[in-house]
Amino acid sequence: MNRKRMKSGVTVATVLLIGISTLYAQRQDQNRAHKGPPSFEQLLKDLDSNEDGKLSSNEVKGPLKRDFDKVDLNEDGFITEEEFNKAPKPKRRERNQ
């Protein structure tokens, strides 16, 4: 009888852990989906490895790396906050309804 209760307890605990972790993962995905593009401050915090207040092509990644030349308006090899704010914004994808 004791063994049966223990198995039931372990099973319930396992199901609860799986459920909780699934809900947590879904919540994290929803939080990311509602955020817009990162601010320049956030990019500096995440990517500016030499902490010089601007981003070089070696420091950036993803879409910013792909469009580096479009954002680096004065073509000096760095993206400053002013250039980032003046850069053309990417077109938003349409959502399927």
N, C-alpha and C. Protein backbone atom coordinates (compact mmCIF):
# COMPACT_ATOMS: atom_id res chain seq x y z
N MET A 1 0.81 -1.19 0.00
CA MET A 1 0.00 0.00 0.00
C MET A 1 0.87 1.27 0.00
N ASN A 2 1.92 1.26 0.78
CA ASN A 2 2.82 2.41 0.86
C ASN A 2 3.50 2.66 -0.48
N ARG A 3 3.88 1.60 -1.14
CA ARG A 3 4.54 1.69 -2.43
C ARG A 3 3.62 2.29 -3.49
N LYS A 4 2.34 1.91 -3.42
CA LYS A 4 1.36 2.41 -4.38
C LYS A 4 1.18 3.92 -4.21
N ARG A 5 1.12 4.38 -2.96
CA ARG A 5 0.98 5.81 -2.69
C ARG A 5 2.20 6.58 -3.18
N MET A 6 3.35 5.99 -2.97
CA MET A 6 4.59 6.65 -3.40
C MET A 6 4.63 6.79 -4.91
N LYS A 7 4.26 5.74 -5.62
CA LYS A 7 4.21 5.82 -7.09
C LYS A 7 3.23 6.87 -7.54
N SER A 8 2.06 6.92 -6.91
CA SER A 8 1.05 7.91 -7.26
C SER A 8 1.57 9.32 -6.99
N GLY A 9 2.24 9.51 -5.87
CA GLY A 9 2.80 10.82 -5.53
C GLY A 9 3.85 11.27 -6.53
N VAL A 10 4.71 10.34 -6.92
CA VAL A 10 5.75 10.67 -7.89
C VAL A 10 5.12 11.00 -9.24
N THR A 11 4.11 10.24 -9.63
CA THR A 11 3.43 10.49 -10.90
C THR A 11 2.76 11.86 -10.90
N VAL A 12 2.06 12.19 -9.84
CA VAL A 12 1.40 13.49 -9.73
C VAL A 12 2.43 14.62 -9.76
N ALA A 13 3.50 14.46 -9.03
CA ALA A 13 4.55 15.48 -9.00
C ALA A 13 5.17 15.68 -10.38
N THR A 14 5.39 14.59 -11.10
CA THR A 14 5.98 14.67 -12.44
C THR A 14 5.04 15.40 -13.39
N VAL A 15 3.76 15.05 -13.35
CA VAL A 15 2.78 15.70 -14.22
C VAL A 15 2.70 17.20 -13.89
N LEU A 16 2.71 17.54 -12.60
CA LEU A 16 2.68 18.95 -12.21
C LEU A 16 3.91 19.70 -12.71
N LEU A 17 5.07 19.12 -12.57
CA LEU A 17 6.31 19.77 -13.04
C LEU A 17 6.29 20.00 -14.54
N ILE A 18 5.84 19.00 -15.28
CA ILE A 18 5.75 19.15 -16.74
C ILE A 18 4.76 20.26 -17.09
N GLY A 19 3.62 20.26 -16.43
CA GLY A 19 2.62 21.29 -16.70
C GLY A 19 3.12 22.68 -16.38
N ILE A 20 3.75 22.83 -15.24
CA ILE A 20 4.26 24.14 -14.83
C ILE A 20 5.35 24.63 -15.79
N SER A 21 6.26 23.74 -16.16
CA SER A 21 7.34 24.17 -17.07
C SER A 21 6.79 24.51 -18.45
N THR A 22 5.76 23.80 -18.90
CA THR A 22 5.13 24.12 -20.19
C THR A 22 4.47 25.50 -20.14
N LEU A 23 3.75 25.77 -19.08
CA LEU A 23 3.12 27.09 -18.93
C LEU A 23 4.15 28.21 -18.85
N TYR A 24 5.24 27.96 -18.14
CA TYR A 24 6.30 28.95 -18.03
C TYR A 24 6.91 29.24 -19.40
N ALA A 25 7.17 28.20 -20.17
CA ALA A 25 7.75 28.38 -21.51
C ALA A 25 6.80 29.16 -22.42
N GLN A 26 5.51 28.86 -22.33
CA GLN A 26 4.54 29.59 -23.14
C GLN A 26 4.48 31.06 -22.74
N ARG A 27 4.57 31.33 -21.47
CA ARG A 27 4.54 32.70 -20.98
C ARG A 27 5.76 33.47 -21.48
N GLN A 28 6.92 32.83 -21.46
CA GLN A 28 8.15 33.47 -21.94
C GLN A 28 8.01 33.80 -23.43
N ASP A 29 7.46 32.87 -24.21
CA ASP A 29 7.26 33.12 -25.64
C ASP A 29 6.30 34.28 -25.87
N GLN A 30 5.24 34.37 -25.08
CA GLN A 30 4.29 35.46 -25.21
C GLN A 30 4.95 36.79 -24.88
N ASN A 31 5.78 36.81 -23.85
CA ASN A 31 6.47 38.05 -23.48
C ASN A 31 7.38 38.51 -24.59
N ARG A 32 8.09 37.59 -25.21
CA ARG A 32 8.98 37.96 -26.32
C ARG A 32 8.19 38.44 -27.52
N ALA A 33 7.05 37.83 -27.77
CA ALA A 33 6.24 38.19 -28.94
C ALA A 33 5.67 39.60 -28.81
N HIS A 34 5.39 40.07 -27.60
CA HIS A 34 4.80 41.39 -27.41
C HIS A 34 5.82 42.51 -27.40
N LYS A 35 7.06 42.17 -27.26
CA LYS A 35 8.10 43.20 -27.25
C LYS A 35 8.36 43.66 -28.67
N GLY A 36 8.69 44.92 -28.79
CA GLY A 36 9.08 45.44 -30.08
C GLY A 36 10.57 45.24 -30.27
N PRO A 37 11.13 45.90 -31.27
CA PRO A 37 12.57 45.79 -31.46
C PRO A 37 13.31 46.39 -30.26
N PRO A 38 14.54 45.93 -30.02
CA PRO A 38 15.28 46.44 -28.86
C PRO A 38 15.67 47.89 -29.05
N SER A 39 15.80 48.60 -27.94
CA SER A 39 16.26 49.98 -27.99
C SER A 39 17.78 49.98 -28.21
N PHE A 40 18.31 51.14 -28.56
CA PHE A 40 19.76 51.24 -28.74
C PHE A 40 20.47 50.95 -27.43
N GLU A 41 19.89 51.41 -26.32
CA GLU A 41 20.48 51.14 -25.00
C GLU A 41 20.59 49.64 -24.75
N GLN A 42 19.52 48.91 -25.10
CA GLN A 42 19.53 47.47 -24.89
C GLN A 42 20.56 46.80 -25.79
N LEU A 43 20.68 47.27 -27.04
CA LEU A 43 21.69 46.72 -27.95
C LEU A 43 23.09 46.95 -27.40
N LEU A 44 23.35 48.14 -26.89
CA LEU A 44 24.66 48.42 -26.31
C LEU A 44 24.94 47.48 -25.14
N LYS A 45 23.93 47.33 -24.28
CA LYS A 45 24.09 46.47 -23.12
C LYS A 45 24.39 45.03 -23.54
N ASP A 46 23.73 44.55 -24.59
CA ASP A 46 23.87 43.16 -25.03
C ASP A 46 25.07 42.93 -25.95
N LEU A 47 25.43 43.92 -26.77
CA LEU A 47 26.38 43.66 -27.85
C LEU A 47 27.68 44.47 -27.81
N ASP A 48 27.70 45.59 -27.15
CA ASP A 48 28.88 46.48 -27.19
C ASP A 48 29.99 45.92 -26.31
N SER A 49 30.74 44.97 -26.86
CA SER A 49 31.75 44.25 -26.08
C SER A 49 32.89 45.14 -25.59
N ASN A 50 33.27 46.16 -26.36
CA ASN A 50 34.36 47.03 -25.91
C ASN A 50 33.85 48.28 -25.19
N GLU A 51 32.54 48.38 -25.01
CA GLU A 51 31.90 49.45 -24.25
C GLU A 51 32.31 50.85 -24.70
N ASP A 52 32.34 51.05 -26.03
CA ASP A 52 32.70 52.37 -26.54
C ASP A 52 31.48 53.20 -26.90
N GLY A 53 30.29 52.70 -26.65
CA GLY A 53 29.07 53.47 -26.90
C GLY A 53 28.59 53.43 -28.33
N LYS A 54 29.19 52.59 -29.14
CA LYS A 54 28.75 52.42 -30.52
C LYS A 54 28.96 50.96 -30.91
N LEU A 55 28.34 50.55 -32.00
CA LEU A 55 28.39 49.15 -32.41
C LEU A 55 29.15 48.99 -33.72
N SER A 56 30.11 48.10 -33.73
CA SER A 56 30.84 47.79 -34.96
C SER A 56 30.21 46.57 -35.61
N SER A 57 30.56 46.30 -36.85
CA SER A 57 29.99 45.14 -37.54
C SER A 57 30.42 43.84 -36.89
N ASN A 58 31.55 43.85 -36.19
CA ASN A 58 31.99 42.64 -35.49
C ASN A 58 31.18 42.37 -34.23
N GLU A 59 30.53 43.40 -33.69
CA GLU A 59 29.78 43.25 -32.45
C GLU A 59 28.32 42.86 -32.67
N VAL A 60 27.76 43.22 -33.80
CA VAL A 60 26.33 43.00 -34.03
C VAL A 60 26.08 41.62 -34.64
N LYS A 61 24.80 41.22 -34.59
CA LYS A 61 24.40 39.94 -35.17
C LYS A 61 22.96 40.03 -35.64
N GLY A 62 22.51 39.01 -36.32
CA GLY A 62 21.12 38.94 -36.77
C GLY A 62 20.79 39.97 -37.82
N PRO A 63 19.56 40.46 -37.80
CA PRO A 63 19.12 41.42 -38.82
C PRO A 63 19.95 42.70 -38.84
N LEU A 64 20.43 43.13 -37.69
CA LEU A 64 21.25 44.34 -37.66
C LEU A 64 22.57 44.13 -38.40
N LYS A 65 23.15 42.95 -38.29
CA LYS A 65 24.38 42.65 -39.02
C LYS A 65 24.10 42.63 -40.53
N ARG A 66 22.97 42.00 -40.88
CA ARG A 66 22.61 41.91 -42.30
C ARG A 66 22.40 43.29 -42.91
N ASP A 67 21.81 44.21 -42.15
CA ASP A 67 21.50 45.54 -42.65
C ASP A 67 22.46 46.61 -42.14
N PHE A 68 23.63 46.18 -41.71
CA PHE A 68 24.59 47.10 -41.10
C PHE A 68 24.86 48.31 -41.99
N ASP A 69 25.09 48.09 -43.29
CA ASP A 69 25.41 49.19 -44.19
C ASP A 69 24.27 50.18 -44.35
N LYS A 70 23.03 49.72 -44.20
CA LYS A 70 21.87 50.62 -44.29
C LYS A 70 21.76 51.49 -43.04
N VAL A 71 22.20 50.96 -41.91
CA VAL A 71 22.08 51.69 -40.64
C VAL A 71 23.29 52.61 -40.43
N ASP A 72 24.47 52.20 -40.87
CA ASP A 72 25.69 53.00 -40.72
C ASP A 72 25.66 54.11 -41.78
N LEU A 73 24.90 55.15 -41.48
CA LEU A 73 24.62 56.19 -42.46
C LEU A 73 25.85 56.97 -42.92
N ASN A 74 26.82 57.19 -42.04
CA ASN A 74 28.01 57.94 -42.44
C ASN A 74 29.15 57.03 -42.89
N GLU A 75 28.88 55.73 -42.94
CA GLU A 75 29.82 54.72 -43.46
C GLU A 75 31.18 54.74 -42.77
N ASP A 76 31.17 54.95 -41.45
CA ASP A 76 32.44 54.96 -40.72
C ASP A 76 32.74 53.61 -40.05
N GLY A 77 31.87 52.62 -40.26
CA GLY A 77 32.09 51.30 -39.68
C GLY A 77 31.50 51.11 -38.30
N PHE A 78 30.75 52.12 -37.83
CA PHE A 78 30.12 52.04 -36.52
C PHE A 78 28.69 52.54 -36.61
N ILE A 79 27.85 52.00 -35.74
CA ILE A 79 26.48 52.50 -35.61
C ILE A 79 26.38 53.23 -34.29
N THR A 80 26.02 54.50 -34.38
CA THR A 80 25.81 55.30 -33.18
C THR A 80 24.32 55.36 -32.89
N GLU A 81 23.96 55.90 -31.74
CA GLU A 81 22.54 56.01 -31.38
C GLU A 81 21.80 56.88 -32.39
N GLU A 82 22.43 57.97 -32.80
CA GLU A 82 21.80 58.86 -33.78
C GLU A 82 21.53 58.14 -35.09
N GLU A 83 22.49 57.37 -35.58
CA GLU A 83 22.30 56.61 -36.82
C GLU A 83 21.21 55.55 -36.64
N PHE A 84 21.23 54.90 -35.51
CA PHE A 84 20.24 53.86 -35.24
C PHE A 84 18.83 54.45 -35.27
N ASN A 85 18.66 55.61 -34.66
CA ASN A 85 17.34 56.24 -34.62
C ASN A 85 16.89 56.77 -35.97
N LYS A 86 17.83 57.17 -36.83
CA LYS A 86 17.50 57.70 -38.15
C LYS A 86 17.38 56.61 -39.22
N ALA A 87 17.85 55.43 -38.93
CA ALA A 87 17.89 54.36 -39.92
C ALA A 87 16.48 53.96 -40.36
N PRO A 88 16.36 53.50 -41.61
CA PRO A 88 15.05 53.04 -42.06
C PRO A 88 14.59 51.84 -41.23
N LYS A 89 13.34 51.87 -40.84
CA LYS A 89 12.79 50.78 -40.02
C LYS A 89 12.36 49.63 -40.94
N PRO A 90 12.58 48.41 -40.50
CA PRO A 90 12.16 47.26 -41.31
C PRO A 90 10.65 47.20 -41.41
N LYS A 91 10.17 46.70 -42.53
CA LYS A 91 8.73 46.55 -42.70
C LYS A 91 8.24 45.43 -41.81
N ARG A 92 7.06 45.64 -41.23
CA ARG A 92 6.46 44.61 -40.38
C ARG A 92 5.81 43.54 -41.25
N ARG A 93 5.92 42.32 -40.78
CA ARG A 93 5.24 41.24 -41.46
C ARG A 93 3.76 41.29 -41.11
N GLU A 94 2.93 40.98 -42.09
CA GLU A 94 1.49 40.95 -41.82
C GLU A 94 1.15 39.65 -41.09
N ARG A 95 0.22 39.77 -40.17
CA ARG A 95 -0.22 38.60 -39.42
C ARG A 95 -1.35 37.91 -40.18
N ASN A 96 -1.35 36.60 -40.14
CA ASN A 96 -2.47 35.84 -40.70
C ASN A 96 -3.64 35.92 -39.75
N GLN A 97 -4.79 36.25 -40.28
CA GLN A 97 -5.96 36.35 -39.41
C GLN A 97 -6.89 35.19 -39.58
